[in-house]
């Protein structure tokens, strides 16, 4: 859900439920599930990274899966956070090298280039917005 002061409720709450307004906002598209799923794309020139780019402006996600390799990523024109969902390794950029371990979360500033290196298998997810 994008940031908004507007919420239309339809259930699971004791607050006011505006079902009529909600049903006018819905779109109904019949298609098999495979046609409705978001298609992953390659992320820039990064061989180990996959881009998930939903049809919204607020954010995109890059999944990087390394197994003893390293992945250099050019700067993105906006802020991002990176979450290590499995494994461990390191991230270098802006003159620093940081230890990455499962569960760690890091902020990456707009325009900062980074290099991810894994010790064995490591998976990261990076959410970003390009401004």
N, C-alpha and C. Protein backbone atom coordinates (compact mmCIF):
# COMPACT_ATOMS: atom_id res chain seq x y z
N UNK A 1 0.84 -1.17 0.00
CA UNK A 1 0.00 0.00 0.00
C UNK A 1 0.89 1.23 0.00
N UNK A 2 0.62 2.14 -0.88
CA UNK A 2 1.39 3.37 -0.96
C UNK A 2 1.04 4.28 0.21
N UNK A 3 1.95 5.19 0.55
CA UNK A 3 1.69 6.13 1.62
C UNK A 3 0.47 6.98 1.26
N UNK A 4 -0.47 7.07 2.20
CA UNK A 4 -1.69 7.80 1.92
C UNK A 4 -2.43 8.07 3.22
N UNK A 5 -3.20 9.16 3.23
CA UNK A 5 -4.09 9.45 4.35
C UNK A 5 -5.47 8.86 4.09
N UNK A 6 -5.66 8.28 2.93
CA UNK A 6 -6.96 7.75 2.55
C UNK A 6 -6.98 6.24 2.69
N UNK A 7 -7.89 5.74 3.50
CA UNK A 7 -8.05 4.30 3.68
C UNK A 7 -9.53 3.98 3.53
N UNK A 8 -9.83 2.97 2.74
CA UNK A 8 -11.20 2.49 2.59
C UNK A 8 -11.24 1.10 3.20
N UNK A 9 -12.04 0.93 4.23
CA UNK A 9 -12.09 -0.34 4.94
C UNK A 9 -13.29 -1.16 4.49
N UNK A 10 -13.12 -2.49 4.54
CA UNK A 10 -14.23 -3.36 4.17
C UNK A 10 -14.46 -4.47 5.18
N UNK A 11 -13.61 -4.62 6.17
CA UNK A 11 -13.80 -5.68 7.15
C UNK A 11 -12.65 -5.81 8.11
N UNK A 12 -12.78 -6.73 9.05
CA UNK A 12 -11.76 -7.03 10.04
C UNK A 12 -11.39 -5.83 10.90
N UNK A 13 -12.32 -4.92 11.14
CA UNK A 13 -12.07 -3.75 11.96
C UNK A 13 -13.38 -3.25 12.56
N UNK A 14 -13.31 -2.67 13.75
CA UNK A 14 -14.52 -2.07 14.31
C UNK A 14 -14.77 -0.67 13.74
N UNK A 15 -13.82 -0.14 12.96
CA UNK A 15 -13.96 1.20 12.38
C UNK A 15 -14.98 1.17 11.23
N UNK A 16 -15.34 2.36 10.76
CA UNK A 16 -16.33 2.50 9.69
C UNK A 16 -15.88 1.73 8.44
N UNK A 17 -16.80 0.98 7.87
CA UNK A 17 -16.54 0.20 6.65
C UNK A 17 -17.36 0.79 5.52
N UNK A 18 -16.68 1.22 4.45
CA UNK A 18 -17.34 1.83 3.29
C UNK A 18 -17.25 0.87 2.11
N UNK A 19 -18.07 -0.16 2.16
CA UNK A 19 -18.01 -1.22 1.16
C UNK A 19 -18.41 -0.72 -0.22
N UNK A 20 -19.40 0.17 -0.31
CA UNK A 20 -19.83 0.68 -1.62
C UNK A 20 -18.70 1.43 -2.31
N UNK A 21 -17.99 2.29 -1.60
CA UNK A 21 -16.87 3.01 -2.20
C UNK A 21 -15.76 2.04 -2.60
N UNK A 22 -15.50 1.07 -1.75
CA UNK A 22 -14.47 0.09 -2.07
C UNK A 22 -14.79 -0.66 -3.36
N UNK A 23 -16.01 -1.11 -3.52
CA UNK A 23 -16.35 -1.88 -4.72
C UNK A 23 -16.30 -1.03 -5.98
N UNK A 24 -16.48 0.28 -5.89
CA UNK A 24 -16.35 1.12 -7.09
C UNK A 24 -14.88 1.32 -7.47
N UNK A 25 -13.97 1.12 -6.51
CA UNK A 25 -12.53 1.30 -6.77
C UNK A 25 -11.88 0.06 -7.36
N UNK A 26 -12.50 -1.09 -7.25
CA UNK A 26 -11.90 -2.35 -7.69
C UNK A 26 -11.95 -2.51 -9.20
N UNK A 27 -10.98 -3.21 -9.72
CA UNK A 27 -11.00 -3.60 -11.13
C UNK A 27 -11.02 -5.11 -11.18
N UNK A 28 -11.71 -5.64 -12.13
CA UNK A 28 -11.84 -7.08 -12.26
C UNK A 28 -11.25 -7.50 -13.60
N UNK A 29 -10.16 -8.22 -13.56
CA UNK A 29 -9.52 -8.74 -14.76
C UNK A 29 -9.42 -10.25 -14.62
N UNK A 30 -10.10 -10.95 -15.53
CA UNK A 30 -10.02 -12.40 -15.51
C UNK A 30 -8.87 -12.85 -16.39
N UNK A 31 -7.98 -13.63 -15.79
CA UNK A 31 -6.85 -14.19 -16.53
C UNK A 31 -6.24 -15.27 -15.64
N UNK A 32 -5.56 -16.22 -16.25
CA UNK A 32 -4.87 -17.24 -15.46
C UNK A 32 -3.82 -16.59 -14.55
N UNK A 33 -3.53 -17.22 -13.43
CA UNK A 33 -2.58 -16.68 -12.46
C UNK A 33 -1.22 -16.38 -13.08
N UNK A 34 -0.75 -17.25 -14.00
CA UNK A 34 0.55 -17.03 -14.63
C UNK A 34 0.61 -15.71 -15.39
N UNK A 35 -0.52 -15.26 -15.94
CA UNK A 35 -0.54 -14.00 -16.68
C UNK A 35 -0.61 -12.79 -15.75
N UNK A 36 -1.03 -12.98 -14.52
CA UNK A 36 -1.18 -11.87 -13.59
C UNK A 36 0.03 -11.68 -12.68
N UNK A 37 0.91 -12.67 -12.64
CA UNK A 37 2.10 -12.56 -11.79
C UNK A 37 3.09 -11.57 -12.39
N UNK A 38 3.81 -10.88 -11.51
CA UNK A 38 4.84 -9.95 -11.95
C UNK A 38 6.00 -10.74 -12.55
N UNK A 39 6.45 -10.32 -13.70
CA UNK A 39 7.56 -10.99 -14.40
C UNK A 39 8.90 -10.42 -13.91
N UNK A 40 9.78 -11.27 -13.39
CA UNK A 40 11.10 -10.78 -12.98
C UNK A 40 11.94 -10.41 -14.20
N UNK A 41 12.80 -9.40 -14.01
CA UNK A 41 13.68 -8.92 -15.08
C UNK A 41 15.12 -8.94 -14.59
N UNK A 42 16.08 -8.96 -15.50
CA UNK A 42 17.48 -8.82 -15.10
C UNK A 42 17.68 -7.38 -14.65
N UNK A 43 18.50 -7.20 -13.61
CA UNK A 43 18.77 -5.86 -13.08
C UNK A 43 20.05 -5.31 -13.68
N UNK A 44 19.90 -4.31 -14.52
CA UNK A 44 21.02 -3.61 -15.16
C UNK A 44 22.06 -4.61 -15.66
N UNK A 45 23.35 -4.38 -15.35
CA UNK A 45 24.42 -5.27 -15.80
C UNK A 45 24.87 -6.20 -14.68
N UNK A 46 23.92 -6.65 -13.86
CA UNK A 46 24.24 -7.47 -12.70
C UNK A 46 23.79 -8.91 -12.95
N UNK A 47 24.72 -9.82 -13.21
CA UNK A 47 24.34 -11.18 -13.59
C UNK A 47 23.65 -11.99 -12.49
N UNK A 48 23.83 -11.61 -11.22
CA UNK A 48 23.25 -12.39 -10.12
C UNK A 48 22.03 -11.72 -9.49
N UNK A 49 21.53 -10.65 -10.12
CA UNK A 49 20.44 -9.88 -9.54
C UNK A 49 19.21 -9.86 -10.44
N UNK A 50 18.04 -9.97 -9.80
CA UNK A 50 16.76 -9.97 -10.49
C UNK A 50 15.92 -8.81 -9.99
N UNK A 51 15.31 -8.07 -10.92
CA UNK A 51 14.48 -6.91 -10.58
C UNK A 51 13.02 -7.30 -10.55
N UNK A 52 12.33 -6.91 -9.49
CA UNK A 52 10.88 -7.02 -9.38
C UNK A 52 10.36 -5.59 -9.33
N UNK A 53 9.69 -5.18 -10.41
CA UNK A 53 9.28 -3.79 -10.58
C UNK A 53 7.76 -3.71 -10.70
N UNK A 54 7.05 -3.59 -9.57
CA UNK A 54 5.59 -3.54 -9.64
C UNK A 54 5.12 -2.26 -10.34
N UNK A 55 3.88 -2.25 -10.82
CA UNK A 55 3.38 -1.08 -11.56
C UNK A 55 2.97 0.06 -10.64
N UNK A 56 3.87 0.45 -9.74
CA UNK A 56 3.67 1.58 -8.84
C UNK A 56 4.96 2.38 -8.81
N UNK A 57 4.88 3.63 -8.41
CA UNK A 57 6.07 4.49 -8.38
C UNK A 57 6.85 4.39 -7.08
N UNK A 58 6.23 3.87 -6.02
CA UNK A 58 6.82 3.98 -4.69
C UNK A 58 8.09 3.17 -4.48
N UNK A 59 8.22 1.99 -5.08
CA UNK A 59 9.44 1.21 -4.86
C UNK A 59 9.54 0.07 -5.86
N UNK A 60 10.75 -0.46 -5.95
CA UNK A 60 11.06 -1.69 -6.69
C UNK A 60 11.97 -2.51 -5.78
N UNK A 61 12.14 -3.80 -6.10
CA UNK A 61 12.98 -4.67 -5.28
C UNK A 61 13.93 -5.44 -6.18
N UNK A 62 15.19 -5.51 -5.76
CA UNK A 62 16.21 -6.31 -6.45
C UNK A 62 16.61 -7.45 -5.53
N UNK A 63 16.51 -8.67 -6.06
CA UNK A 63 16.95 -9.87 -5.32
C UNK A 63 18.30 -10.29 -5.89
N UNK A 64 19.28 -10.42 -5.01
CA UNK A 64 20.62 -10.85 -5.43
C UNK A 64 20.95 -12.16 -4.72
N UNK A 65 21.33 -13.16 -5.52
CA UNK A 65 21.70 -14.46 -4.97
C UNK A 65 23.12 -14.77 -5.39
N UNK A 66 24.00 -14.85 -4.39
CA UNK A 66 25.41 -15.11 -4.64
C UNK A 66 25.82 -16.41 -3.96
N UNK A 67 26.79 -17.08 -4.56
CA UNK A 67 27.34 -18.30 -3.96
C UNK A 67 28.86 -18.25 -4.15
N UNK A 68 29.51 -17.45 -3.31
CA UNK A 68 30.95 -17.27 -3.42
C UNK A 68 31.35 -16.22 -4.44
N UNK A 69 30.37 -15.55 -5.07
CA UNK A 69 30.69 -14.54 -6.07
C UNK A 69 30.59 -13.14 -5.46
N UNK A 70 30.82 -12.15 -6.33
CA UNK A 70 30.58 -10.77 -5.95
C UNK A 70 29.77 -10.08 -7.05
N UNK A 71 29.01 -9.08 -6.64
CA UNK A 71 28.14 -8.33 -7.56
C UNK A 71 28.36 -6.85 -7.32
N UNK A 72 28.80 -6.14 -8.36
CA UNK A 72 28.97 -4.70 -8.27
C UNK A 72 27.71 -4.05 -8.83
N UNK A 73 27.16 -3.11 -8.06
CA UNK A 73 25.96 -2.40 -8.48
C UNK A 73 26.25 -0.91 -8.58
N UNK A 74 25.92 -0.34 -9.73
CA UNK A 74 26.04 1.11 -9.89
C UNK A 74 25.07 1.81 -8.96
N UNK A 75 25.31 3.09 -8.74
CA UNK A 75 24.42 3.86 -7.88
C UNK A 75 23.01 3.96 -8.46
N UNK A 76 22.05 4.05 -7.58
CA UNK A 76 20.64 4.22 -7.95
C UNK A 76 20.26 5.65 -7.61
N UNK A 77 19.44 6.27 -8.43
CA UNK A 77 19.05 7.67 -8.24
C UNK A 77 17.97 7.81 -7.17
N UNK A 78 18.24 7.28 -6.01
CA UNK A 78 17.32 7.38 -4.89
C UNK A 78 17.80 6.50 -3.75
N UNK A 79 17.23 6.66 -2.57
CA UNK A 79 17.65 5.88 -1.41
C UNK A 79 17.18 4.43 -1.50
N UNK A 80 17.84 3.56 -0.75
CA UNK A 80 17.43 2.16 -0.72
C UNK A 80 17.82 1.53 0.60
N UNK A 81 17.19 0.40 0.88
CA UNK A 81 17.59 -0.42 2.01
C UNK A 81 17.86 -1.81 1.48
N UNK A 82 18.81 -2.49 2.10
CA UNK A 82 19.13 -3.85 1.70
C UNK A 82 18.99 -4.75 2.92
N UNK A 83 18.34 -5.88 2.73
CA UNK A 83 18.09 -6.84 3.79
C UNK A 83 18.75 -8.16 3.40
N UNK A 84 19.51 -8.73 4.30
CA UNK A 84 20.13 -10.03 4.05
C UNK A 84 19.16 -11.10 4.55
N UNK A 85 18.58 -11.86 3.62
CA UNK A 85 17.58 -12.85 4.00
C UNK A 85 18.17 -14.23 4.25
N UNK A 86 19.38 -14.48 3.78
CA UNK A 86 20.07 -15.72 4.14
C UNK A 86 21.56 -15.58 3.85
N UNK A 87 22.35 -16.31 4.63
CA UNK A 87 23.79 -16.32 4.42
C UNK A 87 24.49 -15.13 5.03
N UNK A 88 25.76 -14.95 4.62
CA UNK A 88 26.54 -13.82 5.09
C UNK A 88 27.62 -13.48 4.09
N UNK A 89 28.19 -12.31 4.27
CA UNK A 89 29.23 -11.82 3.37
C UNK A 89 29.59 -10.40 3.75
N UNK A 90 29.84 -9.58 2.73
CA UNK A 90 30.21 -8.19 3.01
C UNK A 90 29.66 -7.29 1.91
N UNK A 91 29.59 -6.00 2.26
CA UNK A 91 29.18 -4.97 1.31
C UNK A 91 30.19 -3.84 1.42
N UNK A 92 30.73 -3.44 0.27
CA UNK A 92 31.68 -2.34 0.28
C UNK A 92 31.15 -1.22 -0.60
N UNK A 93 31.53 -0.01 -0.25
CA UNK A 93 31.14 1.18 -0.99
C UNK A 93 31.35 2.40 -0.12
N UNK A 94 31.52 3.54 -0.74
CA UNK A 94 31.73 4.82 -0.05
C UNK A 94 32.88 4.71 0.96
N UNK A 95 33.93 3.98 0.58
CA UNK A 95 35.12 3.87 1.42
C UNK A 95 34.97 3.00 2.65
N UNK A 96 33.90 2.22 2.72
CA UNK A 96 33.69 1.35 3.88
C UNK A 96 33.43 -0.07 3.43
N UNK A 97 33.74 -1.02 4.32
CA UNK A 97 33.34 -2.41 4.09
C UNK A 97 32.58 -2.86 5.33
N UNK A 98 31.37 -3.34 5.12
CA UNK A 98 30.49 -3.74 6.21
C UNK A 98 30.24 -5.24 6.16
N UNK A 99 30.16 -5.85 7.33
CA UNK A 99 29.85 -7.27 7.42
C UNK A 99 28.35 -7.46 7.27
N UNK A 100 27.97 -8.38 6.40
CA UNK A 100 26.56 -8.71 6.20
C UNK A 100 26.29 -10.08 6.79
N UNK A 101 25.21 -10.19 7.54
CA UNK A 101 24.80 -11.49 8.06
C UNK A 101 23.28 -11.57 8.00
N UNK A 102 22.78 -12.76 8.02
CA UNK A 102 21.34 -12.98 7.90
C UNK A 102 20.57 -12.14 8.92
N UNK A 103 19.59 -11.40 8.41
CA UNK A 103 18.77 -10.55 9.26
C UNK A 103 19.23 -9.11 9.34
N UNK A 104 20.44 -8.81 8.85
CA UNK A 104 20.91 -7.42 8.93
C UNK A 104 20.26 -6.57 7.85
N UNK A 105 20.06 -5.30 8.18
CA UNK A 105 19.43 -4.33 7.28
C UNK A 105 20.33 -3.11 7.23
N UNK A 106 20.57 -2.60 6.01
CA UNK A 106 21.45 -1.45 5.83
C UNK A 106 20.80 -0.43 4.91
N UNK A 107 21.06 0.85 5.18
CA UNK A 107 20.62 1.95 4.32
C UNK A 107 21.71 2.25 3.31
N UNK A 108 21.31 2.50 2.07
CA UNK A 108 22.25 2.87 1.01
C UNK A 108 21.78 4.21 0.44
N UNK A 109 22.64 5.18 0.48
CA UNK A 109 22.29 6.52 0.02
C UNK A 109 22.14 6.59 -1.50
N UNK A 110 21.41 7.59 -1.96
CA UNK A 110 21.21 7.81 -3.39
C UNK A 110 22.56 7.98 -4.08
N UNK A 111 22.74 7.30 -5.19
CA UNK A 111 23.95 7.42 -5.99
C UNK A 111 25.14 6.60 -5.51
N UNK A 112 25.03 5.93 -4.38
CA UNK A 112 26.16 5.16 -3.85
C UNK A 112 26.31 3.83 -4.58
N UNK A 113 27.51 3.59 -5.11
CA UNK A 113 27.82 2.29 -5.71
C UNK A 113 28.17 1.33 -4.59
N UNK A 114 27.77 0.06 -4.75
CA UNK A 114 28.11 -0.94 -3.75
C UNK A 114 28.60 -2.21 -4.44
N UNK A 115 29.35 -3.00 -3.69
CA UNK A 115 29.76 -4.33 -4.14
C UNK A 115 29.40 -5.31 -3.04
N UNK A 116 28.64 -6.33 -3.41
CA UNK A 116 28.27 -7.40 -2.48
C UNK A 116 29.19 -8.58 -2.72
N UNK A 117 29.70 -9.18 -1.63
CA UNK A 117 30.53 -10.38 -1.72
C UNK A 117 29.96 -11.39 -0.74
N UNK A 118 29.83 -12.64 -1.19
CA UNK A 118 29.28 -13.66 -0.30
C UNK A 118 30.36 -14.61 0.19
N UNK A 119 30.11 -15.15 1.37
CA UNK A 119 30.91 -16.26 1.91
C UNK A 119 29.99 -17.47 1.82
N UNK A 120 30.07 -18.20 0.75
CA UNK A 120 29.10 -19.26 0.50
C UNK A 120 27.85 -18.66 -0.12
N UNK A 121 26.71 -19.24 0.18
CA UNK A 121 25.46 -18.75 -0.41
C UNK A 121 24.91 -17.59 0.42
N UNK A 122 24.51 -16.50 -0.26
CA UNK A 122 23.91 -15.34 0.40
C UNK A 122 22.83 -14.77 -0.51
N UNK A 123 21.69 -14.41 0.08
CA UNK A 123 20.59 -13.79 -0.66
C UNK A 123 20.26 -12.46 0.01
N UNK A 124 20.17 -11.41 -0.82
CA UNK A 124 19.77 -10.09 -0.32
C UNK A 124 18.59 -9.59 -1.12
N UNK A 125 17.82 -8.71 -0.51
CA UNK A 125 16.71 -8.03 -1.18
C UNK A 125 16.91 -6.54 -0.92
N UNK A 126 16.93 -5.77 -2.00
CA UNK A 126 17.16 -4.33 -1.90
C UNK A 126 15.93 -3.60 -2.43
N UNK A 127 15.27 -2.86 -1.55
CA UNK A 127 14.11 -2.06 -1.95
C UNK A 127 14.60 -0.64 -2.20
N UNK A 128 14.14 -0.05 -3.32
CA UNK A 128 14.61 1.29 -3.66
C UNK A 128 13.53 2.07 -4.40
N UNK A 129 13.73 3.37 -4.43
CA UNK A 129 12.89 4.25 -5.22
C UNK A 129 13.83 5.16 -5.99
N UNK A 130 13.56 5.35 -7.27
CA UNK A 130 14.37 6.29 -8.06
C UNK A 130 13.60 7.59 -8.15
N UNK A 131 14.22 8.66 -7.65
CA UNK A 131 13.55 9.95 -7.61
C UNK A 131 13.99 10.84 -8.76
